[in-house]
Amino acid sequence: MKRLFSFRGGVHPPYFKELTSGKPLVAAALPRRVVIPLSQHTGKPAKPVVKAGDEVKTGQLIGESDGFISLPVHSSISGKVMDIKPWPHPLGRNVTSIIIESDGKDEWTSDLTAHEDYFRLS
């Protein structure tokens, strides 16, 4: 049987850690707009539970599971739902996506609950 690789140990490119290892962390700015696909994997896409014009908050449910091997989708920013339409996806095809314009506030939904022992959730 022919071997696919002729060397052992894998590839180890230079790390260049000296460029950033002494730098402080910086919080990234909020994006003006996000496009959130309802297809998160090879399973069935989530079903949108918001519509264009709705105001959403960070962490809010925007897509619910829609069958076997389907996951809920949550907003990553607060703002206004501008559109729900097909959008190019890394899967190589267009998938239904929710376009949200940020309000710049990053307000979190109050629907979230804290779990003291998150190891028991799975």
N, C-alpha and C. Protein backbone atom coordinates (compact mmCIF):
# COMPACT_ATOMS: atom_id res chain seq x y z
N MET A 1 0.84 -1.18 0.00
CA MET A 1 0.00 0.00 0.00
C MET A 1 0.89 1.24 0.00
N LYS A 2 0.61 2.18 -0.86
CA LYS A 2 1.40 3.40 -0.96
C LYS A 2 1.05 4.35 0.18
N ARG A 3 2.09 4.92 0.78
CA ARG A 3 1.88 5.88 1.86
C ARG A 3 1.55 7.24 1.27
N LEU A 4 0.63 7.93 1.91
CA LEU A 4 0.23 9.25 1.44
C LEU A 4 1.30 10.29 1.71
N PHE A 5 1.94 10.20 2.88
CA PHE A 5 2.98 11.17 3.25
C PHE A 5 4.30 10.44 3.42
N SER A 6 5.38 11.11 3.06
CA SER A 6 6.69 10.46 3.13
C SER A 6 7.53 10.97 4.30
N PHE A 7 6.95 11.75 5.18
CA PHE A 7 7.71 12.25 6.32
C PHE A 7 6.92 12.03 7.59
N ARG A 8 7.63 12.02 8.73
CA ARG A 8 6.99 11.76 10.01
C ARG A 8 6.88 13.05 10.80
N GLY A 9 5.89 13.14 11.66
CA GLY A 9 5.80 14.23 12.61
C GLY A 9 4.99 15.43 12.17
N GLY A 10 4.52 15.45 10.96
CA GLY A 10 3.68 16.56 10.52
C GLY A 10 4.47 17.78 10.10
N VAL A 11 3.76 18.85 9.82
CA VAL A 11 4.35 20.10 9.38
C VAL A 11 4.39 21.06 10.56
N HIS A 12 5.50 21.73 10.76
CA HIS A 12 5.66 22.66 11.88
C HIS A 12 6.15 24.01 11.38
N PRO A 13 5.25 24.85 10.88
CA PRO A 13 5.68 26.17 10.41
C PRO A 13 6.13 27.03 11.59
N PRO A 14 6.91 28.08 11.32
CA PRO A 14 7.34 28.96 12.41
C PRO A 14 6.13 29.62 13.07
N TYR A 15 6.22 29.83 14.39
CA TYR A 15 5.08 30.34 15.14
C TYR A 15 4.98 31.86 15.12
N PHE A 16 6.08 32.57 15.10
CA PHE A 16 6.10 34.04 15.14
C PHE A 16 5.37 34.59 16.35
N LYS A 17 5.43 33.90 17.47
CA LYS A 17 4.74 34.35 18.68
C LYS A 17 5.33 35.64 19.22
N GLU A 18 6.58 35.93 18.90
CA GLU A 18 7.19 37.15 19.42
C GLU A 18 6.49 38.42 18.93
N LEU A 19 5.73 38.31 17.86
CA LEU A 19 5.01 39.48 17.34
C LEU A 19 3.88 39.93 18.27
N THR A 20 3.29 38.99 19.01
CA THR A 20 2.11 39.32 19.81
C THR A 20 2.18 38.87 21.26
N SER A 21 3.15 38.06 21.64
CA SER A 21 3.14 37.46 22.97
C SER A 21 3.18 38.49 24.10
N GLY A 22 3.76 39.66 23.89
CA GLY A 22 3.82 40.67 24.94
C GLY A 22 2.75 41.73 24.83
N LYS A 23 1.86 41.59 23.88
CA LYS A 23 0.83 42.60 23.65
C LYS A 23 -0.40 42.33 24.51
N PRO A 24 -1.05 43.39 25.00
CA PRO A 24 -2.28 43.20 25.77
C PRO A 24 -3.44 42.82 24.84
N LEU A 25 -4.43 42.14 25.40
CA LEU A 25 -5.63 41.82 24.63
C LEU A 25 -6.43 43.09 24.40
N VAL A 26 -7.05 43.19 23.25
CA VAL A 26 -7.85 44.35 22.91
C VAL A 26 -9.24 43.86 22.51
N ALA A 27 -10.26 44.48 23.06
CA ALA A 27 -11.63 44.10 22.69
C ALA A 27 -11.91 44.56 21.26
N ALA A 28 -12.45 43.67 20.47
CA ALA A 28 -12.80 44.01 19.09
C ALA A 28 -14.04 44.90 19.07
N ALA A 29 -14.11 45.77 18.10
CA ALA A 29 -15.28 46.62 17.94
C ALA A 29 -16.46 45.78 17.46
N LEU A 30 -17.66 46.22 17.77
CA LEU A 30 -18.85 45.53 17.27
C LEU A 30 -18.95 45.73 15.77
N PRO A 31 -19.33 44.69 15.04
CA PRO A 31 -19.53 44.87 13.60
C PRO A 31 -20.78 45.70 13.35
N ARG A 32 -20.83 46.37 12.22
CA ARG A 32 -22.02 47.15 11.85
C ARG A 32 -23.16 46.23 11.43
N ARG A 33 -22.79 45.06 10.89
CA ARG A 33 -23.79 44.13 10.39
C ARG A 33 -23.25 42.72 10.52
N VAL A 34 -24.14 41.78 10.83
CA VAL A 34 -23.76 40.37 10.82
C VAL A 34 -24.73 39.60 9.93
N VAL A 35 -24.22 38.55 9.34
CA VAL A 35 -25.04 37.63 8.55
C VAL A 35 -24.92 36.28 9.25
N ILE A 36 -26.03 35.81 9.81
CA ILE A 36 -26.01 34.57 10.60
C ILE A 36 -26.76 33.48 9.82
N PRO A 37 -26.02 32.45 9.36
CA PRO A 37 -26.67 31.38 8.61
C PRO A 37 -27.51 30.49 9.53
N LEU A 38 -28.63 30.04 9.03
CA LEU A 38 -29.48 29.12 9.79
C LEU A 38 -29.03 27.68 9.61
N SER A 39 -28.14 27.43 8.65
CA SER A 39 -27.49 26.12 8.50
C SER A 39 -26.15 26.20 9.21
N GLN A 40 -26.04 25.52 10.34
CA GLN A 40 -24.83 25.57 11.14
C GLN A 40 -23.94 24.34 10.93
N HIS A 41 -24.44 23.36 10.21
CA HIS A 41 -23.74 22.09 10.04
C HIS A 41 -24.43 21.34 8.91
N THR A 42 -24.15 20.07 8.77
CA THR A 42 -24.75 19.30 7.69
C THR A 42 -26.18 18.87 7.97
N GLY A 43 -26.67 19.11 9.18
CA GLY A 43 -28.04 18.75 9.53
C GLY A 43 -29.07 19.72 8.95
N LYS A 44 -30.30 19.56 9.39
CA LYS A 44 -31.40 20.39 8.91
C LYS A 44 -31.24 21.82 9.43
N PRO A 45 -31.46 22.83 8.57
CA PRO A 45 -31.35 24.23 9.02
C PRO A 45 -32.39 24.57 10.07
N ALA A 46 -32.06 25.55 10.90
CA ALA A 46 -33.02 26.06 11.88
C ALA A 46 -34.11 26.84 11.15
N LYS A 47 -35.26 26.99 11.82
CA LYS A 47 -36.38 27.75 11.26
C LYS A 47 -36.37 29.13 11.91
N PRO A 48 -36.39 30.21 11.11
CA PRO A 48 -36.34 31.55 11.72
C PRO A 48 -37.56 31.82 12.59
N VAL A 49 -37.33 32.47 13.74
CA VAL A 49 -38.43 32.85 14.64
C VAL A 49 -38.53 34.38 14.73
N VAL A 50 -37.77 35.07 13.90
CA VAL A 50 -37.84 36.53 13.81
C VAL A 50 -38.17 36.89 12.37
N LYS A 51 -38.51 38.15 12.14
CA LYS A 51 -38.79 38.62 10.78
C LYS A 51 -38.13 39.97 10.58
N ALA A 52 -38.01 40.37 9.33
CA ALA A 52 -37.42 41.67 9.01
C ALA A 52 -38.16 42.76 9.78
N GLY A 53 -37.39 43.66 10.38
CA GLY A 53 -37.96 44.75 11.16
C GLY A 53 -37.95 44.50 12.66
N ASP A 54 -37.80 43.23 13.08
CA ASP A 54 -37.75 42.92 14.51
C ASP A 54 -36.47 43.44 15.14
N GLU A 55 -36.59 43.88 16.39
CA GLU A 55 -35.42 44.25 17.19
C GLU A 55 -35.00 43.00 17.97
N VAL A 56 -33.70 42.71 17.98
CA VAL A 56 -33.19 41.54 18.70
C VAL A 56 -32.08 41.97 19.65
N LYS A 57 -31.84 41.13 20.64
CA LYS A 57 -30.76 41.38 21.59
C LYS A 57 -29.72 40.27 21.48
N THR A 58 -28.53 40.55 21.94
CA THR A 58 -27.46 39.55 21.93
C THR A 58 -27.91 38.33 22.75
N GLY A 59 -27.72 37.14 22.19
CA GLY A 59 -28.10 35.91 22.87
C GLY A 59 -29.53 35.49 22.64
N GLN A 60 -30.31 36.31 21.97
CA GLN A 60 -31.73 35.99 21.73
C GLN A 60 -31.85 34.90 20.68
N LEU A 61 -32.80 33.99 20.88
CA LEU A 61 -33.09 32.95 19.90
C LEU A 61 -33.63 33.60 18.62
N ILE A 62 -33.00 33.30 17.49
CA ILE A 62 -33.48 33.83 16.20
C ILE A 62 -33.85 32.70 15.24
N GLY A 63 -33.43 31.46 15.57
CA GLY A 63 -33.79 30.31 14.76
C GLY A 63 -33.96 29.10 15.67
N GLU A 64 -35.08 28.38 15.51
CA GLU A 64 -35.33 27.22 16.38
C GLU A 64 -35.06 25.93 15.63
N SER A 65 -34.72 24.90 16.39
CA SER A 65 -34.50 23.57 15.81
C SER A 65 -35.72 23.18 15.00
N ASP A 66 -35.47 22.51 13.86
CA ASP A 66 -36.57 22.15 12.99
C ASP A 66 -36.46 20.69 12.57
N GLY A 67 -36.31 19.81 13.56
CA GLY A 67 -36.26 18.39 13.25
C GLY A 67 -34.99 17.74 13.75
N PHE A 68 -34.79 16.51 13.30
CA PHE A 68 -33.64 15.71 13.72
C PHE A 68 -32.35 16.36 13.21
N ILE A 69 -31.34 16.39 14.04
CA ILE A 69 -30.04 17.00 13.75
C ILE A 69 -30.23 18.46 13.31
N SER A 70 -30.85 19.23 14.15
CA SER A 70 -31.05 20.66 13.91
C SER A 70 -30.77 21.38 15.22
N LEU A 71 -30.15 22.54 15.14
CA LEU A 71 -29.76 23.28 16.34
C LEU A 71 -30.39 24.66 16.38
N PRO A 72 -30.66 25.19 17.58
CA PRO A 72 -31.14 26.57 17.68
C PRO A 72 -30.00 27.54 17.33
N VAL A 73 -30.37 28.72 16.84
CA VAL A 73 -29.40 29.75 16.47
C VAL A 73 -29.74 31.01 17.25
N HIS A 74 -28.71 31.68 17.79
CA HIS A 74 -28.91 32.88 18.60
C HIS A 74 -28.19 34.07 17.98
N SER A 75 -28.69 35.25 18.25
CA SER A 75 -28.08 36.47 17.72
C SER A 75 -26.76 36.75 18.42
N SER A 76 -25.77 37.18 17.66
CA SER A 76 -24.47 37.52 18.24
C SER A 76 -24.34 39.01 18.54
N ILE A 77 -25.32 39.80 18.12
CA ILE A 77 -25.33 41.24 18.41
C ILE A 77 -26.77 41.69 18.66
N SER A 78 -26.91 42.87 19.25
CA SER A 78 -28.25 43.46 19.36
C SER A 78 -28.43 44.42 18.19
N GLY A 79 -29.66 44.53 17.73
CA GLY A 79 -29.93 45.41 16.60
C GLY A 79 -31.24 45.07 15.93
N LYS A 80 -31.31 45.40 14.64
CA LYS A 80 -32.55 45.24 13.88
C LYS A 80 -32.35 44.21 12.77
N VAL A 81 -33.30 43.27 12.67
CA VAL A 81 -33.28 42.29 11.58
C VAL A 81 -33.62 43.04 10.29
N MET A 82 -32.67 43.06 9.37
CA MET A 82 -32.86 43.78 8.11
C MET A 82 -33.48 42.90 7.03
N ASP A 83 -33.11 41.61 7.04
CA ASP A 83 -33.59 40.73 5.99
C ASP A 83 -33.34 39.28 6.39
N ILE A 84 -34.09 38.39 5.79
CA ILE A 84 -33.86 36.95 5.89
C ILE A 84 -33.86 36.45 4.46
N LYS A 85 -32.71 36.00 3.99
CA LYS A 85 -32.60 35.61 2.58
C LYS A 85 -31.43 34.66 2.38
N PRO A 86 -31.39 34.00 1.22
CA PRO A 86 -30.25 33.13 0.91
C PRO A 86 -28.97 33.96 0.84
N TRP A 87 -27.88 33.37 1.36
CA TRP A 87 -26.59 34.06 1.40
C TRP A 87 -25.49 33.02 1.19
N PRO A 88 -24.41 33.38 0.51
CA PRO A 88 -23.33 32.41 0.30
C PRO A 88 -22.79 31.86 1.62
N HIS A 89 -22.51 30.57 1.64
CA HIS A 89 -22.09 29.87 2.86
C HIS A 89 -20.86 29.02 2.55
N PRO A 90 -19.99 28.78 3.53
CA PRO A 90 -18.82 27.93 3.29
C PRO A 90 -19.16 26.52 2.80
N LEU A 91 -20.40 26.08 2.95
CA LEU A 91 -20.80 24.78 2.43
C LEU A 91 -20.76 24.75 0.91
N GLY A 92 -20.58 25.93 0.27
CA GLY A 92 -20.51 26.00 -1.17
C GLY A 92 -21.84 26.28 -1.84
N ARG A 93 -22.81 26.66 -1.07
CA ARG A 93 -24.13 26.99 -1.63
C ARG A 93 -24.74 28.12 -0.82
N ASN A 94 -25.80 28.68 -1.32
CA ASN A 94 -26.52 29.71 -0.57
C ASN A 94 -27.40 29.04 0.47
N VAL A 95 -27.41 29.59 1.69
CA VAL A 95 -28.29 29.08 2.74
C VAL A 95 -29.07 30.25 3.32
N THR A 96 -30.26 29.96 3.82
CA THR A 96 -31.07 31.00 4.44
C THR A 96 -30.31 31.59 5.62
N SER A 97 -30.20 32.91 5.63
CA SER A 97 -29.42 33.61 6.66
C SER A 97 -30.20 34.81 7.16
N ILE A 98 -29.90 35.21 8.39
CA ILE A 98 -30.54 36.38 9.00
C ILE A 98 -29.52 37.50 9.04
N ILE A 99 -29.86 38.63 8.42
CA ILE A 99 -28.98 39.80 8.38
C ILE A 99 -29.44 40.77 9.46
N ILE A 100 -28.53 41.10 10.38
CA ILE A 100 -28.85 41.99 11.50
C ILE A 100 -27.92 43.19 11.45
N GLU A 101 -28.51 44.38 11.52
CA GLU A 101 -27.74 45.62 11.60
C GLU A 101 -27.60 45.98 13.07
N SER A 102 -26.37 46.19 13.51
CA SER A 102 -26.10 46.46 14.92
C SER A 102 -26.65 47.81 15.35
N ASP A 103 -27.12 47.87 16.60
CA ASP A 103 -27.53 49.15 17.18
C ASP A 103 -26.40 49.76 17.99
N GLY A 104 -25.26 49.05 18.06
CA GLY A 104 -24.09 49.54 18.77
C GLY A 104 -24.16 49.41 20.28
N LYS A 105 -25.24 48.84 20.81
CA LYS A 105 -25.44 48.77 22.26
C LYS A 105 -24.98 47.45 22.88
N ASP A 106 -24.99 46.38 22.12
CA ASP A 106 -24.66 45.05 22.62
C ASP A 106 -25.46 44.71 23.87
N GLU A 107 -26.77 44.93 23.81
CA GLU A 107 -27.67 44.60 24.93
C GLU A 107 -28.01 43.12 24.88
N TRP A 108 -27.84 42.45 26.02
CA TRP A 108 -28.11 41.02 26.11
C TRP A 108 -29.56 40.75 26.49
N THR A 109 -30.08 39.65 25.97
CA THR A 109 -31.44 39.24 26.30
C THR A 109 -31.54 38.86 27.77
N SER A 110 -32.70 39.05 28.35
CA SER A 110 -32.92 38.68 29.75
C SER A 110 -33.41 37.23 29.86
N ASP A 111 -33.54 36.54 28.72
CA ASP A 111 -34.03 35.16 28.71
C ASP A 111 -32.98 34.14 29.15
N LEU A 112 -31.74 34.57 29.31
CA LEU A 112 -30.67 33.64 29.66
C LEU A 112 -30.69 33.35 31.15
N THR A 113 -30.36 32.11 31.50
CA THR A 113 -30.28 31.73 32.91
C THR A 113 -28.88 31.22 33.20
N ALA A 114 -28.40 31.52 34.39
CA ALA A 114 -27.08 31.06 34.80
C ALA A 114 -27.18 29.62 35.30
N HIS A 115 -26.18 28.84 35.00
CA HIS A 115 -26.12 27.46 35.46
C HIS A 115 -24.87 27.30 36.31
N GLU A 116 -25.06 27.07 37.59
CA GLU A 116 -23.93 26.94 38.50
C GLU A 116 -23.06 25.74 38.15
N ASP A 117 -23.69 24.62 37.81
CA ASP A 117 -22.94 23.41 37.48
C ASP A 117 -23.18 23.07 36.01
N TYR A 118 -22.48 23.76 35.13
CA TYR A 118 -22.71 23.58 33.70
C TYR A 118 -22.27 22.20 33.20
N PHE A 119 -21.47 21.46 33.98
CA PHE A 119 -21.08 20.11 33.58
C PHE A 119 -22.30 19.17 33.55
N ARG A 120 -23.33 19.49 34.29
CA ARG A 120 -24.51 18.63 34.35
C ARG A 120 -25.48 18.91 33.20
N LEU A 121 -25.15 19.85 32.32
CA LEU A 121 -26.05 20.19 31.21
C LEU A 121 -25.96 19.20 30.06
N SER A 122 -24.91 18.41 30.00
CA SER A 122 -24.80 17.48 28.87
C SER A 122 -24.85 16.05 29.33
